[in-house]
N, C-alpha and C. Protein backbone atom coordinates (compact mmCIF):
# COMPACT_ATOMS: atom_id res chain seq x y z
N UNK A 1 3.30 24.44 53.94
CA UNK A 1 2.67 23.27 53.40
C UNK A 1 2.35 23.44 52.07
N UNK A 2 1.88 24.56 51.55
CA UNK A 2 1.47 25.03 50.23
C UNK A 2 2.81 24.98 49.39
N UNK A 3 3.92 25.25 49.93
CA UNK A 3 5.15 25.37 49.07
C UNK A 3 5.36 23.96 48.76
N UNK A 4 5.32 23.13 49.72
CA UNK A 4 5.74 21.71 49.23
C UNK A 4 4.93 21.04 48.49
N UNK A 5 3.57 21.34 48.51
CA UNK A 5 2.57 20.82 47.13
C UNK A 5 3.17 21.36 45.84
N UNK A 6 3.60 22.64 45.97
CA UNK A 6 3.90 23.34 44.72
C UNK A 6 5.11 22.49 44.04
N UNK A 7 6.23 22.47 45.03
CA UNK A 7 7.31 21.49 44.58
C UNK A 7 7.11 20.28 44.12
N UNK A 8 6.28 19.39 44.79
CA UNK A 8 5.75 18.02 44.49
C UNK A 8 5.12 18.35 42.96
N UNK A 9 4.24 19.17 42.90
CA UNK A 9 3.47 19.33 41.72
C UNK A 9 4.40 19.64 40.53
N UNK A 10 5.33 20.60 40.54
CA UNK A 10 6.24 20.97 39.79
C UNK A 10 7.21 19.63 39.30
N UNK A 11 7.41 18.87 40.23
CA UNK A 11 8.39 17.62 40.01
C UNK A 11 7.77 16.76 39.30
N UNK A 12 6.45 16.36 39.61
CA UNK A 12 5.41 15.63 38.96
C UNK A 12 5.22 16.04 37.46
N UNK A 13 5.15 17.27 37.24
CA UNK A 13 5.01 17.61 35.73
C UNK A 13 6.26 17.34 35.23
N UNK A 14 7.15 17.69 35.87
CA UNK A 14 8.79 17.65 35.05
C UNK A 14 9.01 15.89 34.75
N UNK A 15 8.61 15.29 35.60
CA UNK A 15 8.80 14.03 35.35
C UNK A 15 7.76 13.31 34.20
N UNK A 16 6.56 13.69 34.20
CA UNK A 16 5.91 13.28 33.37
C UNK A 16 6.06 13.94 31.84
N UNK A 17 6.47 15.10 31.84
CA UNK A 17 7.21 15.72 30.43
C UNK A 17 8.48 14.88 30.05
N UNK A 18 9.31 14.59 30.97
CA UNK A 18 10.56 14.03 30.73
C UNK A 18 10.23 12.48 29.95
N UNK A 19 9.13 12.16 30.69
CA UNK A 19 8.62 10.66 30.23
C UNK A 19 8.30 10.70 28.77
N UNK A 20 7.24 11.64 28.76
CA UNK A 20 6.80 12.02 27.55
C UNK A 20 7.77 11.95 26.44
N UNK A 21 8.63 13.16 26.50
CA UNK A 21 9.59 13.37 25.66
C UNK A 21 10.29 12.17 25.15
N UNK A 22 10.77 11.42 26.26
CA UNK A 22 11.60 10.11 25.91
C UNK A 22 10.86 9.15 25.07
N UNK A 23 9.50 9.12 25.14
CA UNK A 23 8.77 8.28 24.21
C UNK A 23 8.76 8.63 22.78
N UNK A 24 8.83 10.39 22.49
CA UNK A 24 9.00 10.80 21.44
C UNK A 24 10.22 10.80 20.52
N UNK A 25 11.36 10.48 21.45
CA UNK A 25 12.85 10.28 20.87
C UNK A 25 12.89 9.43 19.57
N UNK A 26 13.52 9.76 18.63
CA UNK A 26 13.75 8.46 17.64
C UNK A 26 14.51 7.42 18.04
N UNK A 27 14.16 6.20 17.57
CA UNK A 27 15.11 5.13 17.83
C UNK A 27 16.62 5.19 17.28
N UNK A 28 17.41 4.96 18.28
CA UNK A 28 18.96 4.99 17.95
C UNK A 28 19.04 4.30 16.59
N UNK A 29 19.71 4.75 15.54
CA UNK A 29 20.14 4.18 14.12
C UNK A 29 20.93 2.79 14.34
N UNK A 30 20.59 2.18 13.52
CA UNK A 30 21.56 0.89 13.48
C UNK A 30 22.86 0.93 12.80
N UNK A 31 23.66 0.25 13.00
CA UNK A 31 24.86 0.20 12.34
C UNK A 31 24.79 -0.18 10.72
N UNK A 32 25.14 0.48 10.03
CA UNK A 32 25.16 0.29 8.18
C UNK A 32 25.56 -1.06 8.12
N UNK A 33 25.10 -1.64 7.25
CA UNK A 33 25.37 -3.12 6.75
C UNK A 33 26.78 -3.10 6.00
N UNK A 34 27.68 -3.70 6.55
CA UNK A 34 28.79 -3.87 5.42
C UNK A 34 28.79 -4.56 4.27
N UNK A 35 29.00 -4.40 3.17
CA UNK A 35 29.15 -5.28 2.06
C UNK A 35 30.39 -5.73 1.68
N UNK A 36 30.76 -6.74 1.09
CA UNK A 36 31.81 -7.44 0.63
C UNK A 36 31.68 -8.13 -0.57
N UNK A 37 32.73 -8.35 -1.06
CA UNK A 37 33.06 -9.27 -2.41
C UNK A 37 33.46 -10.55 -2.10
N UNK A 38 33.48 -11.57 -2.78
CA UNK A 38 33.95 -12.91 -2.37
C UNK A 38 35.87 -12.97 -2.59
N UNK A 39 36.24 -13.57 -1.98
CA UNK A 39 37.70 -13.88 -1.97
C UNK A 39 38.18 -14.87 -2.91
N UNK A 40 37.06 -15.78 -3.11
CA UNK A 40 37.42 -17.09 -4.13
C UNK A 40 36.32 -17.29 -4.63
N UNK A 41 36.23 -17.54 -5.99
CA UNK A 41 34.91 -17.92 -6.83
C UNK A 41 35.37 -19.22 -7.36
N UNK A 42 34.39 -20.09 -7.74
CA UNK A 42 34.43 -21.35 -8.40
C UNK A 42 34.25 -21.12 -9.95
N UNK A 43 35.33 -21.10 -10.57
CA UNK A 43 35.35 -20.80 -12.15
C UNK A 43 34.38 -21.80 -13.07
N UNK A 44 34.23 -22.76 -12.29
CA UNK A 44 33.11 -23.68 -13.13
C UNK A 44 31.93 -23.17 -13.30
N UNK A 45 31.56 -22.07 -12.04
CA UNK A 45 30.42 -21.50 -12.26
C UNK A 45 30.08 -20.22 -13.21
N UNK A 46 31.18 -19.89 -14.07
CA UNK A 46 31.24 -19.23 -14.95
C UNK A 46 31.69 -19.33 -16.50
N UNK A 47 31.17 -18.49 -17.10
CA UNK A 47 31.40 -18.71 -18.65
C UNK A 47 33.11 -18.91 -18.89
N UNK A 48 33.56 -19.73 -19.67
CA UNK A 48 34.85 -19.74 -20.09
C UNK A 48 35.84 -20.04 -18.88
N UNK A 49 35.73 -21.14 -18.11
CA UNK A 49 36.39 -21.30 -17.15
C UNK A 49 37.86 -21.60 -17.45
N UNK A 50 38.12 -21.80 -18.76
CA UNK A 50 39.70 -22.06 -19.01
C UNK A 50 40.19 -20.82 -19.15
N UNK A 51 39.68 -19.60 -19.33
CA UNK A 51 40.50 -18.28 -19.63
C UNK A 51 41.28 -17.85 -18.58
N UNK A 52 42.57 -17.42 -18.45
CA UNK A 52 43.47 -16.82 -17.46
C UNK A 52 42.79 -16.06 -16.36
N UNK A 53 41.93 -15.31 -17.08
CA UNK A 53 41.30 -13.85 -16.10
C UNK A 53 39.81 -14.08 -16.21
N UNK A 54 39.10 -13.66 -14.98
CA UNK A 54 37.47 -13.68 -15.07
C UNK A 54 37.29 -12.28 -14.62
N UNK A 55 36.27 -11.41 -15.10
CA UNK A 55 35.62 -10.30 -14.72
C UNK A 55 34.12 -10.54 -14.55
N UNK A 56 33.89 -10.66 -13.31
CA UNK A 56 32.51 -11.10 -13.07
C UNK A 56 31.73 -9.81 -12.68
N UNK A 57 30.94 -9.59 -13.17
CA UNK A 57 30.24 -8.18 -12.85
C UNK A 57 28.70 -8.39 -12.23
N UNK A 58 28.51 -8.26 -10.94
CA UNK A 58 27.19 -8.54 -10.39
C UNK A 58 26.37 -7.39 -10.38
N UNK A 59 25.15 -7.46 -10.94
CA UNK A 59 24.16 -6.55 -11.15
C UNK A 59 22.83 -6.72 -10.87
N UNK A 60 22.17 -5.68 -11.29
CA UNK A 60 20.59 -5.94 -11.08
C UNK A 60 19.84 -5.07 -12.21
N UNK A 61 18.81 -5.62 -12.77
CA UNK A 61 18.42 -5.19 -13.86
C UNK A 61 17.76 -3.90 -13.52
N UNK A 62 17.41 -3.68 -12.52
CA UNK A 62 16.63 -2.19 -12.05
C UNK A 62 17.71 -1.19 -11.69
N UNK A 63 19.04 -1.39 -11.98
CA UNK A 63 20.43 -0.63 -11.45
C UNK A 63 20.68 0.38 -12.66
N UNK A 64 20.57 1.50 -13.01
CA UNK A 64 21.15 2.00 -14.14
C UNK A 64 22.57 2.24 -14.02
N UNK A 65 23.20 2.35 -12.89
CA UNK A 65 24.84 2.38 -12.69
C UNK A 65 25.09 0.88 -13.16
N UNK A 66 24.78 -0.27 -12.79
CA UNK A 66 24.88 -1.51 -13.28
C UNK A 66 25.13 -1.72 -14.80
N UNK A 67 23.87 -0.94 -15.37
CA UNK A 67 24.05 -1.14 -17.02
C UNK A 67 25.31 -0.29 -17.22
N UNK A 68 25.67 1.05 -16.84
CA UNK A 68 26.86 1.55 -17.37
C UNK A 68 28.00 0.56 -17.18
N UNK A 69 27.99 0.10 -15.84
CA UNK A 69 29.10 -0.62 -15.47
C UNK A 69 29.47 -2.10 -16.42
N UNK A 70 28.27 -2.34 -16.94
CA UNK A 70 28.46 -3.68 -17.60
C UNK A 70 29.06 -3.24 -18.97
N UNK A 71 28.27 -2.08 -19.46
CA UNK A 71 28.63 -1.51 -20.88
C UNK A 71 30.25 -1.39 -21.08
N UNK A 72 31.07 -0.70 -19.71
CA UNK A 72 32.27 -0.52 -19.79
C UNK A 72 33.10 -1.72 -19.73
N UNK A 73 32.53 -2.55 -18.93
CA UNK A 73 33.55 -3.84 -18.62
C UNK A 73 33.38 -4.77 -19.90
N UNK A 74 32.46 -4.70 -20.87
CA UNK A 74 32.68 -5.54 -21.96
C UNK A 74 33.79 -5.03 -22.66
N UNK A 75 34.32 -3.90 -22.64
CA UNK A 75 35.59 -3.62 -23.53
C UNK A 75 36.80 -4.34 -22.95
N UNK A 76 36.89 -4.83 -21.84
CA UNK A 76 38.16 -5.48 -21.76
C UNK A 76 38.02 -7.33 -21.97
N UNK A 77 37.28 -7.65 -22.37
CA UNK A 77 36.82 -8.88 -22.97
C UNK A 77 37.85 -9.38 -23.90
N UNK A 78 38.70 -10.36 -23.81
CA UNK A 78 39.83 -10.88 -24.86
C UNK A 78 39.92 -12.28 -24.90
N UNK A 79 40.73 -12.71 -25.66
CA UNK A 79 41.05 -14.38 -25.28
C UNK A 79 41.43 -14.50 -23.93
N UNK A 80 42.09 -13.59 -23.29
CA UNK A 80 42.71 -13.86 -22.16
C UNK A 80 41.65 -13.55 -20.77
N UNK A 81 40.67 -12.86 -21.38
CA UNK A 81 39.88 -12.12 -20.19
C UNK A 81 38.45 -12.73 -20.52
N UNK A 82 37.88 -13.64 -19.68
CA UNK A 82 36.54 -13.65 -19.76
C UNK A 82 35.78 -12.90 -18.99
N UNK A 83 34.35 -12.39 -19.59
CA UNK A 83 33.67 -11.60 -18.79
C UNK A 83 32.33 -12.11 -18.73
N UNK A 84 31.60 -11.68 -17.50
CA UNK A 84 30.15 -12.54 -17.31
C UNK A 84 29.59 -11.38 -16.50
N UNK A 85 28.15 -11.10 -16.92
CA UNK A 85 27.02 -10.40 -16.12
C UNK A 85 26.44 -11.03 -15.41
N UNK A 86 26.21 -11.33 -14.00
CA UNK A 86 25.66 -11.92 -13.18
C UNK A 86 24.11 -11.17 -12.67
N UNK A 87 23.18 -11.04 -13.34
CA UNK A 87 22.17 -10.29 -12.87
C UNK A 87 21.32 -10.98 -11.78
N UNK A 88 21.00 -10.38 -10.69
CA UNK A 88 20.38 -10.85 -9.51
C UNK A 88 19.05 -11.68 -10.15
N UNK A 89 18.35 -11.11 -10.71
CA UNK A 89 17.08 -11.69 -11.30
C UNK A 89 17.07 -12.93 -11.91
N UNK A 90 18.22 -12.92 -12.96
CA UNK A 90 18.58 -14.17 -13.56
C UNK A 90 19.52 -15.06 -12.89
N UNK A 91 20.20 -14.74 -11.67
CA UNK A 91 21.00 -15.64 -10.98
C UNK A 91 20.95 -15.28 -9.63
N UNK A 92 20.11 -15.28 -8.95
CA UNK A 92 20.06 -15.02 -7.69
C UNK A 92 20.52 -16.12 -6.93
N UNK A 93 20.95 -17.29 -7.11
CA UNK A 93 21.65 -18.32 -6.62
C UNK A 93 23.21 -17.92 -6.68
N UNK A 94 23.59 -17.28 -7.38
CA UNK A 94 25.06 -16.82 -7.62
C UNK A 94 25.12 -15.72 -6.52
N UNK A 95 24.27 -14.74 -6.78
CA UNK A 95 24.28 -13.77 -5.69
C UNK A 95 24.44 -14.15 -4.37
N UNK A 96 23.68 -15.10 -3.96
CA UNK A 96 23.67 -15.85 -2.78
C UNK A 96 24.76 -16.58 -2.32
N UNK A 97 25.17 -17.26 -3.09
CA UNK A 97 26.55 -18.41 -2.96
C UNK A 97 27.57 -17.36 -2.68
N UNK A 98 27.81 -16.04 -3.48
CA UNK A 98 28.83 -15.24 -3.01
C UNK A 98 28.25 -14.11 -2.43
N UNK A 99 27.65 -14.17 -1.85
CA UNK A 99 27.20 -13.13 -0.66
C UNK A 99 27.29 -11.73 -1.21
N UNK A 100 26.70 -11.55 -2.29
CA UNK A 100 26.75 -10.32 -2.64
C UNK A 100 25.46 -9.61 -2.19
N UNK A 101 25.77 -8.59 -1.87
CA UNK A 101 24.56 -7.65 -1.04
C UNK A 101 24.25 -6.22 -1.53
N UNK A 102 25.20 -6.16 -2.58
CA UNK A 102 25.04 -4.80 -3.07
C UNK A 102 25.65 -4.77 -4.69
N UNK A 103 24.96 -4.07 -5.34
CA UNK A 103 25.39 -3.93 -6.72
C UNK A 103 25.79 -2.60 -6.97
N UNK A 104 26.48 -2.23 -8.25
CA UNK A 104 27.35 -3.13 -8.99
C UNK A 104 28.32 -3.65 -8.11
N UNK A 105 28.87 -4.90 -8.07
CA UNK A 105 30.10 -5.39 -7.57
C UNK A 105 31.11 -6.22 -8.71
N UNK A 106 32.11 -5.75 -8.76
CA UNK A 106 33.04 -6.40 -9.78
C UNK A 106 33.94 -7.20 -9.21
N UNK A 107 34.27 -8.12 -9.63
CA UNK A 107 35.40 -9.46 -9.14
C UNK A 107 36.13 -9.50 -10.21
N UNK A 108 37.46 -9.52 -10.11
CA UNK A 108 38.64 -9.97 -10.86
C UNK A 108 39.27 -10.88 -10.55
N UNK A 109 39.00 -12.30 -11.17
CA UNK A 109 39.81 -13.46 -10.42
C UNK A 109 40.42 -13.92 -11.62
N UNK A 110 41.88 -14.53 -11.11
CA UNK A 110 42.51 -15.51 -11.89
C UNK A 110 42.08 -16.98 -12.26
N UNK A 111 42.82 -17.50 -12.94
CA UNK A 111 42.66 -18.88 -13.54
C UNK A 111 42.08 -19.88 -12.21
N UNK A 112 42.70 -19.64 -10.90
CA UNK A 112 42.39 -20.57 -9.88
C UNK A 112 41.04 -20.19 -9.21
N UNK A 113 40.50 -18.97 -9.66
CA UNK A 113 39.39 -18.68 -8.96
C UNK A 113 39.55 -17.64 -7.76
N UNK A 114 40.96 -17.36 -7.48
CA UNK A 114 41.42 -16.33 -6.32
C UNK A 114 41.08 -14.93 -7.07
N UNK A 115 40.34 -14.19 -5.99
CA UNK A 115 39.83 -12.64 -6.42
C UNK A 115 41.10 -11.90 -6.28
N UNK A 116 41.52 -11.46 -7.17
CA UNK A 116 42.82 -10.66 -7.07
C UNK A 116 42.48 -9.33 -6.86
N UNK A 117 41.37 -8.69 -7.31
CA UNK A 117 40.90 -7.32 -7.25
C UNK A 117 38.95 -7.18 -7.12
N UNK A 118 38.82 -6.44 -6.63
CA UNK A 118 37.13 -6.18 -6.56
C UNK A 118 36.83 -4.70 -6.48
N UNK A 119 35.67 -4.23 -7.02
CA UNK A 119 35.20 -3.06 -6.65
C UNK A 119 33.73 -3.05 -6.42
N UNK A 120 33.37 -2.46 -5.33
CA UNK A 120 31.94 -2.21 -4.73
C UNK A 120 31.71 -0.97 -5.20
N UNK A 121 30.48 -0.75 -6.25
CA UNK A 121 30.18 0.54 -6.54
C UNK A 121 30.70 0.49 -7.88
N UNK A 122 30.78 1.56 -8.67
CA UNK A 122 31.03 1.79 -10.07
C UNK A 122 32.62 2.01 -10.28
N UNK A 123 33.49 1.27 -10.91
CA UNK A 123 34.64 1.36 -11.35
C UNK A 123 34.73 2.40 -12.42
N UNK A 124 35.66 3.13 -12.82
CA UNK A 124 35.49 3.92 -13.84
C UNK A 124 36.19 2.94 -14.73
N UNK A 125 36.13 3.09 -16.09
CA UNK A 125 36.91 2.19 -17.12
C UNK A 125 38.26 2.27 -17.27
N UNK A 126 39.05 3.48 -16.65
CA UNK A 126 40.20 3.46 -16.38
C UNK A 126 40.81 2.68 -15.38
N UNK A 127 39.91 2.87 -14.18
CA UNK A 127 40.38 1.97 -13.02
C UNK A 127 40.14 0.50 -13.33
N UNK A 128 39.29 0.15 -14.09
CA UNK A 128 39.08 -1.56 -14.54
C UNK A 128 40.37 -1.80 -15.31
N UNK A 129 40.68 -0.97 -16.40
CA UNK A 129 41.92 -1.58 -17.17
C UNK A 129 42.88 -1.46 -16.66
N UNK A 130 43.28 -0.44 -15.65
CA UNK A 130 44.50 -0.47 -15.02
C UNK A 130 44.62 -1.32 -14.22
N UNK A 131 43.61 -1.86 -13.59
CA UNK A 131 43.88 -2.92 -12.52
C UNK A 131 43.89 -4.10 -13.18
N UNK A 132 43.43 -4.54 -14.15
CA UNK A 132 43.42 -5.65 -14.96
C UNK A 132 44.73 -5.77 -15.30
N UNK A 133 45.46 -4.58 -16.10
CA UNK A 133 46.69 -4.90 -16.82
C UNK A 133 47.89 -4.74 -15.52
N UNK A 134 47.62 -4.37 -14.48
CA UNK A 134 48.53 -4.42 -13.17
C UNK A 134 48.53 -6.12 -12.69
N UNK A 135 47.47 -6.50 -12.62
CA UNK A 135 47.37 -7.93 -12.30
C UNK A 135 48.15 -8.83 -13.35
N UNK A 136 47.65 -8.63 -14.67
CA UNK A 136 48.12 -9.46 -15.77
C UNK A 136 49.86 -9.31 -15.57
N UNK A 137 50.24 -8.04 -15.44
CA UNK A 137 51.70 -7.93 -15.64
C UNK A 137 52.40 -8.56 -14.48
N UNK A 138 51.75 -8.51 -13.41
CA UNK A 138 52.38 -9.05 -12.08
C UNK A 138 52.43 -10.71 -12.16
N UNK A 139 51.27 -11.33 -12.86
CA UNK A 139 51.11 -12.59 -13.09
C UNK A 139 52.36 -12.99 -14.08
N UNK A 140 52.66 -12.49 -14.86
CA UNK A 140 53.67 -12.76 -15.92
C UNK A 140 55.01 -12.47 -15.56
N UNK A 141 55.18 -11.57 -14.33
CA UNK A 141 56.81 -11.59 -14.00
C UNK A 141 57.16 -12.61 -13.20
């Protein structure tokens, strides 16, 4: 009879320790949020809607990387290419309308507002120049 009581006591302790450990386990991590850029923009929302190309840079004033992206993006502005900085504090409605959930986000759109390329995160100046040149060459062909 003593052996049965010992087995029951050990089983009860094991169950109690198991329950306690399960209560201490961390929560299962959630899936990371996926971010995206728009497939289409309304060119009337942006400066120079008549320019053949638009480079829209979605930024935040508190993002140092965004400031660097904006500085490098300014170099591509021309008669053919309009650029615009859409800072979330000044244009939250634009970020909401285009479902921008991460910055920096860069969208290159044609005259019809179709997004022909985009970058989530900071593109290099070379990548931005190359993509814009590729798109412009393809449009002229």
